């Protein structure tokens, strides 16, 4: 009994059961109404014929509906899809009914049209009305299902976007980064108190920006650059002449959008995966065209131990795919180059 219930509860079984039951009911009721209205008896054989006709027509309409949904989507051509659905279903259903009725009356094939003409006219009118009702109900259900599916997908994407932004925040709040920052402050206090105060203000500004911006899906390049300049100052203070970063972005792009922390994470990625020394300084160049911002750095030797959350490039690319439908472009040759799209 349990296996039977499991089988019945399967979506495909439910679908075929519903089509069969609806075909039997509509076919039998139409047959009964048409024959009784013509003052004819409704025999058991006629019941089976009309029920079978209803099931056959039901499955044919189901297959035609799937074909039309694939070739003429509702989203693109609502009017055409609705009109073509009504015409196609009506012509197919009426033709199938006529063929099955003719097979049943093979002994009187020549007198079918004259004898049953009123039946065919009534059936055509009823079938046309039912076809219109079916198409309207199907369109309503299809629209509701599409809307519900879209809402679910939007919630999933929103959740994934929040997770990615939280991961980006986690990277900025890492104990390792804070430890390095505090070490730099402790050494600056005795050497240069003014620079130490400025370093603390930049560090505070950076954390303030990080905590406020991770809620936003997109920010302007101008806002991101203000944050990036603070981060660059921290790195330059820590590594001095071993690190440099030049930024050259067109002024007309400053109000366009990018995901928050994108530029900073790419600079941090270069800092994290390259050793810096007086002999091998790390040099980063950030430039732009009308479609992309390019972050390019030279490649030095790999650090012995890299403390990484492994979310940098993957995180940025995933956020771009969710927000813009286009990922980042990575080129690893003599220099390491990353291009991120500009969102207008």
Protein backbone atom coordinates (compact mmCIF):
# COMPACT_ATOMS: atom_id res chain seq x y z
CA UNK A 1 0.00 0.00 0.00
CA UNK A 2 2.85 2.35 0.85
CA UNK A 3 4.50 1.74 -2.55
CA UNK A 4 1.20 2.48 -4.28
CA UNK A 5 0.86 5.78 -2.39
CA UNK A 6 4.45 6.71 -3.29
CA UNK A 7 3.74 5.93 -6.95
CA UNK A 8 0.54 8.02 -6.95
CA UNK A 9 2.29 10.96 -5.31
CA UNK A 10 4.92 11.18 -8.05
CA UNK A 11 4.45 14.35 -10.17
CA UNK A 12 4.44 12.49 -13.51
CA UNK A 13 1.83 9.99 -12.30
CA UNK A 14 -0.33 12.82 -10.95
CA UNK A 15 -0.08 14.66 -14.26
CA UNK A 16 -1.13 11.66 -16.38
CA UNK A 17 -3.90 10.76 -13.92
CA UNK A 18 -5.26 14.30 -14.09
CA UNK A 19 -5.17 14.39 -17.92
CA UNK A 20 -6.91 11.01 -18.15
CA UNK A 21 -9.59 11.85 -15.57
CA UNK A 22 -10.31 15.26 -17.10
CA UNK A 23 -10.46 13.74 -20.60
CA UNK A 24 -12.93 11.08 -19.47
CA UNK A 25 -15.18 13.57 -17.66
CA UNK A 26 -15.27 16.22 -20.38
CA UNK A 27 -15.57 13.67 -23.20
CA UNK A 28 -18.39 11.75 -21.52
CA UNK A 29 -20.30 14.88 -20.47
CA UNK A 30 -20.06 16.43 -23.94
CA UNK A 31 -21.14 13.17 -25.57
CA UNK A 32 -24.06 12.79 -23.19
CA UNK A 33 -25.22 16.38 -23.72
CA UNK A 34 -24.94 16.22 -27.52
CA UNK A 35 -26.71 12.89 -27.95
CA UNK A 36 -29.44 13.50 -25.39
CA UNK A 37 -30.13 16.96 -26.84
CA UNK A 38 -30.72 15.22 -30.17
CA UNK A 39 -33.13 12.84 -28.44
CA UNK A 40 -30.88 9.84 -28.87
CA UNK A 41 -30.01 7.15 -26.34
CA UNK A 42 -26.61 7.35 -24.60
CA UNK A 43 -25.45 3.73 -24.62
CA UNK A 44 -22.51 2.22 -22.76
CA UNK A 45 -20.50 1.89 -25.96
CA UNK A 46 -21.08 5.57 -26.72
CA UNK A 47 -19.91 6.44 -23.20
CA UNK A 48 -16.64 4.54 -23.77
CA UNK A 49 -16.21 6.16 -27.19
CA UNK A 50 -16.73 9.69 -25.90
CA UNK A 51 -14.53 9.02 -22.84
CA UNK A 52 -11.78 7.59 -25.07
CA UNK A 53 -12.13 10.55 -27.41
CA UNK A 54 -11.75 12.91 -24.46
CA UNK A 55 -8.55 11.15 -23.28
CA UNK A 56 -7.02 11.10 -26.79
CA UNK A 57 -7.88 14.75 -27.38
CA UNK A 58 -6.59 15.65 -23.90
CA UNK A 59 -3.17 14.08 -24.50
CA UNK A 60 -2.91 15.62 -27.98
CA UNK A 61 -3.71 19.05 -26.53
CA UNK A 62 -1.10 18.47 -23.82
CA UNK A 63 1.58 17.64 -26.42
CA UNK A 64 0.59 20.60 -28.62
CA UNK A 65 0.76 22.89 -25.57
CA UNK A 66 4.33 21.75 -24.78
CA UNK A 67 5.35 22.25 -28.42
CA UNK A 68 3.85 25.75 -28.55
CA UNK A 69 5.46 26.72 -25.21
CA UNK A 70 8.84 25.71 -26.62
CA UNK A 71 8.50 27.32 -30.06
CA UNK A 72 6.49 30.44 -29.10
CA UNK A 73 7.17 31.38 -25.45
CA UNK A 74 4.47 33.29 -23.56
CA UNK A 75 6.99 35.87 -22.32
CA UNK A 76 7.94 37.05 -25.81
CA UNK A 77 4.65 36.81 -27.79
CA UNK A 78 1.62 36.66 -25.50
CA UNK A 79 -1.01 37.63 -28.10
CA UNK A 80 0.36 35.36 -30.83
CA UNK A 81 0.73 32.45 -28.42
CA UNK A 82 -2.83 32.85 -27.11
CA UNK A 83 -4.42 33.13 -30.58
CA UNK A 84 -2.37 30.31 -32.07
CA UNK A 85 -3.13 28.12 -29.05
CA UNK A 86 -6.90 28.62 -29.46
CA UNK A 87 -6.85 27.93 -33.21
CA UNK A 88 -4.49 24.94 -33.01
CA UNK A 89 -6.31 23.25 -30.13
CA UNK A 90 -9.74 23.82 -31.67
CA UNK A 91 -8.79 22.50 -35.13
CA UNK A 92 -6.94 19.49 -33.67
CA UNK A 93 -9.68 18.59 -31.19
CA UNK A 94 -12.48 18.91 -33.73
CA UNK A 95 -10.54 16.89 -36.34
CA UNK A 96 -9.80 14.10 -33.85
CA UNK A 97 -13.45 14.00 -32.75
CA UNK A 98 -14.62 13.78 -36.36
CA UNK A 99 -12.11 10.98 -37.16
CA UNK A 100 -13.05 8.93 -34.09
CA UNK A 101 -16.77 9.50 -34.73
CA UNK A 102 -16.32 8.37 -38.35
CA UNK A 103 -14.49 5.21 -37.24
CA UNK A 104 -17.38 4.40 -34.89
CA UNK A 105 -19.91 4.87 -37.72
CA UNK A 106 -18.09 3.07 -40.56
CA UNK A 107 -21.32 1.40 -41.57
CA UNK A 108 -22.90 4.77 -42.37
CA UNK A 109 -19.91 6.84 -43.40
CA UNK A 110 -21.75 8.64 -46.23
CA UNK A 111 -24.65 9.79 -44.04
CA UNK A 112 -22.58 11.06 -41.13
CA UNK A 113 -22.51 14.73 -42.15
CA UNK A 114 -26.19 14.93 -43.05
CA UNK A 115 -27.44 12.85 -40.12
CA UNK A 116 -25.19 14.32 -37.39
CA UNK A 117 -24.72 17.85 -38.71
CA UNK A 118 -26.51 19.48 -35.72
CA UNK A 119 -24.30 17.44 -33.37
CA UNK A 120 -21.12 18.65 -35.09
CA UNK A 121 -22.30 22.28 -35.00
CA UNK A 122 -23.12 22.12 -31.27
CA UNK A 123 -19.89 20.28 -30.55
CA UNK A 124 -17.89 22.88 -32.50
CA UNK A 125 -19.44 25.75 -30.53
CA UNK A 126 -18.93 24.04 -27.17
CA UNK A 127 -15.40 23.00 -28.10
CA UNK A 128 -14.47 26.53 -29.16
CA UNK A 129 -15.74 27.94 -25.85
CA UNK A 130 -13.89 25.26 -23.88
CA UNK A 131 -10.71 25.94 -25.87
CA UNK A 132 -10.83 29.65 -25.03
CA UNK A 133 -11.46 28.89 -21.34
CA UNK A 134 -8.59 26.35 -21.31
CA UNK A 135 -6.14 28.81 -22.89
CA UNK A 136 -7.07 31.59 -20.44
CA UNK A 137 -6.77 29.30 -17.41
CA UNK A 138 -3.50 27.84 -18.69
CA UNK A 139 -2.09 31.33 -19.29
CA UNK A 140 -3.11 32.38 -15.78
CA UNK A 141 -1.52 29.30 -14.20
CA UNK A 142 1.59 29.64 -16.38
CA UNK A 143 1.95 33.30 -15.41
CA UNK A 144 1.54 32.50 -11.71
CA UNK A 145 4.07 29.66 -11.90
CA UNK A 146 6.55 31.84 -13.81
CA UNK A 147 6.12 34.64 -11.27
CA UNK A 148 6.53 32.26 -8.33
CA UNK A 149 9.61 30.66 -9.90
CA UNK A 150 11.08 34.12 -10.56
CA UNK A 151 10.48 35.15 -6.94
CA UNK A 152 12.16 31.98 -5.65
CA UNK A 153 15.12 32.50 -7.99
CA UNK A 154 15.46 36.13 -6.89
CA UNK A 155 15.49 35.05 -3.23
CA UNK A 156 18.16 32.44 -4.00
CA UNK A 157 20.31 34.97 -5.84
CA UNK A 158 19.81 37.52 -3.07
CA UNK A 159 20.91 34.99 -0.49
CA UNK A 160 23.93 33.97 -2.54
CA UNK A 161 24.86 37.62 -3.05
CA UNK A 162 24.68 38.26 0.71
CA UNK A 163 26.84 35.20 1.38
CA UNK A 164 29.46 36.41 -1.11
CA UNK A 165 29.49 39.89 0.40
CA UNK A 166 29.80 38.43 3.90
CA UNK A 167 32.77 36.39 2.71
CA UNK A 168 34.32 39.57 1.35
CA UNK A 169 33.72 41.23 4.72
CA UNK A 170 35.28 38.23 6.47
CA UNK A 171 38.39 38.67 4.36
CA UNK A 172 38.73 42.33 5.40
CA UNK A 173 38.15 41.59 9.09
CA UNK A 174 40.67 38.76 9.19
CA UNK A 175 42.82 38.62 12.35
CA UNK A 176 45.95 38.38 10.18
CA UNK A 177 45.27 41.72 8.48
CA UNK A 178 44.44 43.41 11.79
CA UNK A 179 47.56 41.93 13.40
CA UNK A 180 49.78 43.35 10.63
CA UNK A 181 48.07 46.72 10.94
CA UNK A 182 48.59 46.87 14.71
CA UNK A 183 52.23 45.85 14.33
CA UNK A 184 52.76 48.68 11.86
CA UNK A 185 51.11 51.15 14.26
CA UNK A 186 53.27 50.01 17.18
CA UNK A 187 56.44 50.54 15.16
CA UNK A 188 55.31 53.94 13.83
CA UNK A 189 54.47 55.36 17.25
CA UNK A 190 58.16 55.53 18.19
CA UNK A 191 59.39 56.58 14.74
CA UNK A 192 56.80 59.01 13.42
CA UNK A 193 53.82 59.90 15.60
CA UNK A 194 52.13 61.93 12.85
CA UNK A 195 52.23 59.04 10.40
CA UNK A 196 51.00 56.71 13.13
CA UNK A 197 47.94 58.90 13.71
CA UNK A 198 47.26 59.08 9.98
CA UNK A 199 47.67 55.30 9.70
CA UNK A 200 45.10 54.79 12.49
CA UNK A 201 42.64 57.14 10.79
CA UNK A 202 43.06 55.34 7.46
CA UNK A 203 42.65 51.98 9.15
CA UNK A 204 39.49 53.16 10.93
CA UNK A 205 38.12 54.63 7.71
CA UNK A 206 38.76 51.37 5.93
CA UNK A 207 36.92 49.28 8.53
CA UNK A 208 34.07 51.82 8.65
CA UNK A 209 33.67 51.60 4.87
CA UNK A 210 33.84 47.80 4.95
CA UNK A 211 31.09 47.48 7.58
CA UNK A 212 28.81 49.99 5.83
CA UNK A 213 29.26 48.93 2.21
CA UNK A 214 28.83 45.15 2.40
CA UNK A 215 25.02 45.64 2.52
CA UNK A 216 25.12 47.32 -0.91
CA UNK A 217 25.15 45.30 -4.11
CA UNK A 218 26.82 48.08 -6.09
CA UNK A 219 28.68 51.28 -5.29
CA UNK A 220 30.18 53.99 -7.46
CA UNK A 221 33.80 53.76 -8.55
CA UNK A 222 34.37 57.10 -6.81
CA UNK A 223 33.34 55.59 -3.43
CA UNK A 224 35.44 52.49 -4.00
CA UNK A 225 38.50 54.56 -4.91
CA UNK A 226 38.24 56.59 -1.69
CA UNK A 227 38.40 53.31 0.21
CA UNK A 228 41.17 51.92 -2.02
CA UNK A 229 43.37 54.98 -1.39
CA UNK A 230 43.13 54.30 2.35
CA UNK A 231 44.08 50.67 1.82
CA UNK A 232 46.99 51.62 -0.45
CA UNK A 233 48.29 54.01 2.19
CA UNK A 234 48.30 51.18 4.75
CA UNK A 235 50.22 48.87 2.41
CA UNK A 236 52.68 51.59 1.34
CA UNK A 237 53.33 52.47 4.98
CA UNK A 238 53.97 48.86 5.84
CA UNK A 239 56.18 47.95 2.84
CA UNK A 240 57.53 51.43 1.97
CA UNK A 241 59.50 51.36 -1.32
CA UNK A 242 58.72 47.70 -1.93
CA UNK A 243 55.16 48.47 -3.07
CA UNK A 244 53.58 50.98 -5.47
CA UNK A 245 50.13 51.36 -6.98
CA UNK A 246 49.20 53.78 -9.77
CA UNK A 247 45.56 54.51 -10.55
CA UNK A 248 44.44 56.06 -13.83
CA UNK A 249 40.67 55.90 -14.29
CA UNK A 250 38.73 58.27 -16.56
CA UNK A 251 36.73 60.88 -14.68
CA UNK A 252 33.60 60.14 -16.71
CA UNK A 253 33.54 56.63 -15.19
CA UNK A 254 33.60 57.68 -11.54
CA UNK A 255 29.80 57.50 -11.18
CA UNK A 256 29.50 54.07 -12.80
CA UNK A 257 29.11 51.01 -10.59
CA UNK A 258 31.12 48.04 -9.38
CA UNK A 259 30.56 45.58 -6.50
CA UNK A 260 31.90 46.91 -3.18
CA UNK A 261 35.43 45.82 -2.19
CA UNK A 262 36.15 44.54 -5.73
CA UNK A 263 39.17 46.76 -6.44
CA UNK A 264 40.53 46.44 -2.91
CA UNK A 265 40.31 42.65 -2.98
CA UNK A 266 42.24 42.55 -6.27
CA UNK A 267 45.00 44.75 -4.85
CA UNK A 268 45.07 42.61 -1.71
CA UNK A 269 45.24 39.50 -3.88
CA UNK A 270 48.39 40.83 -5.57
CA UNK A 271 49.93 41.77 -2.20
CA UNK A 272 49.11 38.40 -0.70
CA UNK A 273 50.48 36.25 -3.54
CA UNK A 274 53.74 38.10 -4.25
CA UNK A 275 56.81 38.65 -2.11
CA UNK A 276 58.06 42.25 -1.89
CA UNK A 277 61.67 43.34 -1.54
CA UNK A 278 63.92 46.16 -2.69
CA UNK A 279 65.20 43.89 -5.46
CA UNK A 280 61.68 42.70 -6.44
CA UNK A 281 59.16 45.45 -5.65
CA UNK A 282 55.48 44.87 -6.40
CA UNK A 283 54.02 47.34 -8.86
CA UNK A 284 50.26 47.56 -9.53
CA UNK A 285 48.65 49.61 -12.33
CA UNK A 286 44.90 50.27 -12.44
CA UNK A 287 43.59 51.65 -15.74
CA UNK A 288 40.24 51.80 -17.54
CA UNK A 289 38.53 51.82 -20.88
CA UNK A 290 34.81 52.32 -21.51
CA UNK A 291 33.90 48.73 -20.61
CA UNK A 292 36.45 47.45 -18.10
CA UNK A 293 38.75 48.41 -15.27
CA UNK A 294 42.10 46.64 -15.63
CA UNK A 295 44.23 45.71 -12.61
CA UNK A 296 47.73 44.61 -13.60
CA UNK A 297 50.69 43.66 -11.46
CA UNK A 298 54.14 42.20 -12.05
CA UNK A 299 54.78 38.68 -10.75
CA UNK A 300 57.45 38.18 -8.12
CA UNK A 301 58.29 35.01 -6.24
CA UNK A 302 55.48 33.28 -4.35
CA UNK A 303 55.47 33.74 -0.55
CA UNK A 304 56.39 30.65 1.45
CA UNK A 305 53.11 30.57 3.32
CA UNK A 306 50.00 32.39 2.14
CA UNK A 307 47.24 32.96 4.68
CA UNK A 308 44.20 33.11 2.37
CA UNK A 309 40.46 32.54 2.63
CA UNK A 310 40.56 31.48 -1.06
CA UNK A 311 37.60 33.69 -1.91
CA UNK A 312 39.21 36.64 -3.72
CA UNK A 313 38.95 36.13 -7.49
CA UNK A 314 36.17 33.55 -7.21
CA UNK A 315 34.16 35.85 -4.95
CA UNK A 316 34.43 38.82 -7.30
CA UNK A 317 33.63 36.73 -10.40
CA UNK A 318 30.58 35.15 -8.72
CA UNK A 319 29.22 38.53 -7.68
CA UNK A 320 29.66 39.88 -11.20
CA UNK A 321 27.86 36.88 -12.70
CA UNK A 322 24.92 37.41 -10.34
CA UNK A 323 24.71 41.18 -10.80
CA UNK A 324 25.81 41.66 -14.40
CA UNK A 325 25.71 38.25 -16.10
CA UNK A 326 29.37 38.65 -17.07
CA UNK A 327 32.39 37.39 -15.16
CA UNK A 328 35.86 38.85 -14.80
CA UNK A 329 38.68 38.25 -17.29
CA UNK A 330 41.96 36.84 -15.94
CA UNK A 331 45.24 36.70 -17.86
CA UNK A 332 48.28 35.11 -16.26
CA UNK A 333 51.45 35.66 -18.30
CA UNK A 334 54.46 37.88 -17.72
CA UNK A 335 52.08 40.03 -15.66
CA UNK A 336 48.94 39.06 -13.79
CA UNK A 337 46.00 40.95 -15.32
CA UNK A 338 42.38 41.07 -14.17
CA UNK A 339 39.66 42.93 -16.03
CA UNK A 340 36.41 43.69 -14.22
CA UNK A 341 33.34 44.95 -16.12
CA UNK A 342 31.95 48.43 -15.50
CA UNK A 343 28.24 48.39 -14.67
CA UNK A 344 26.31 51.42 -15.93
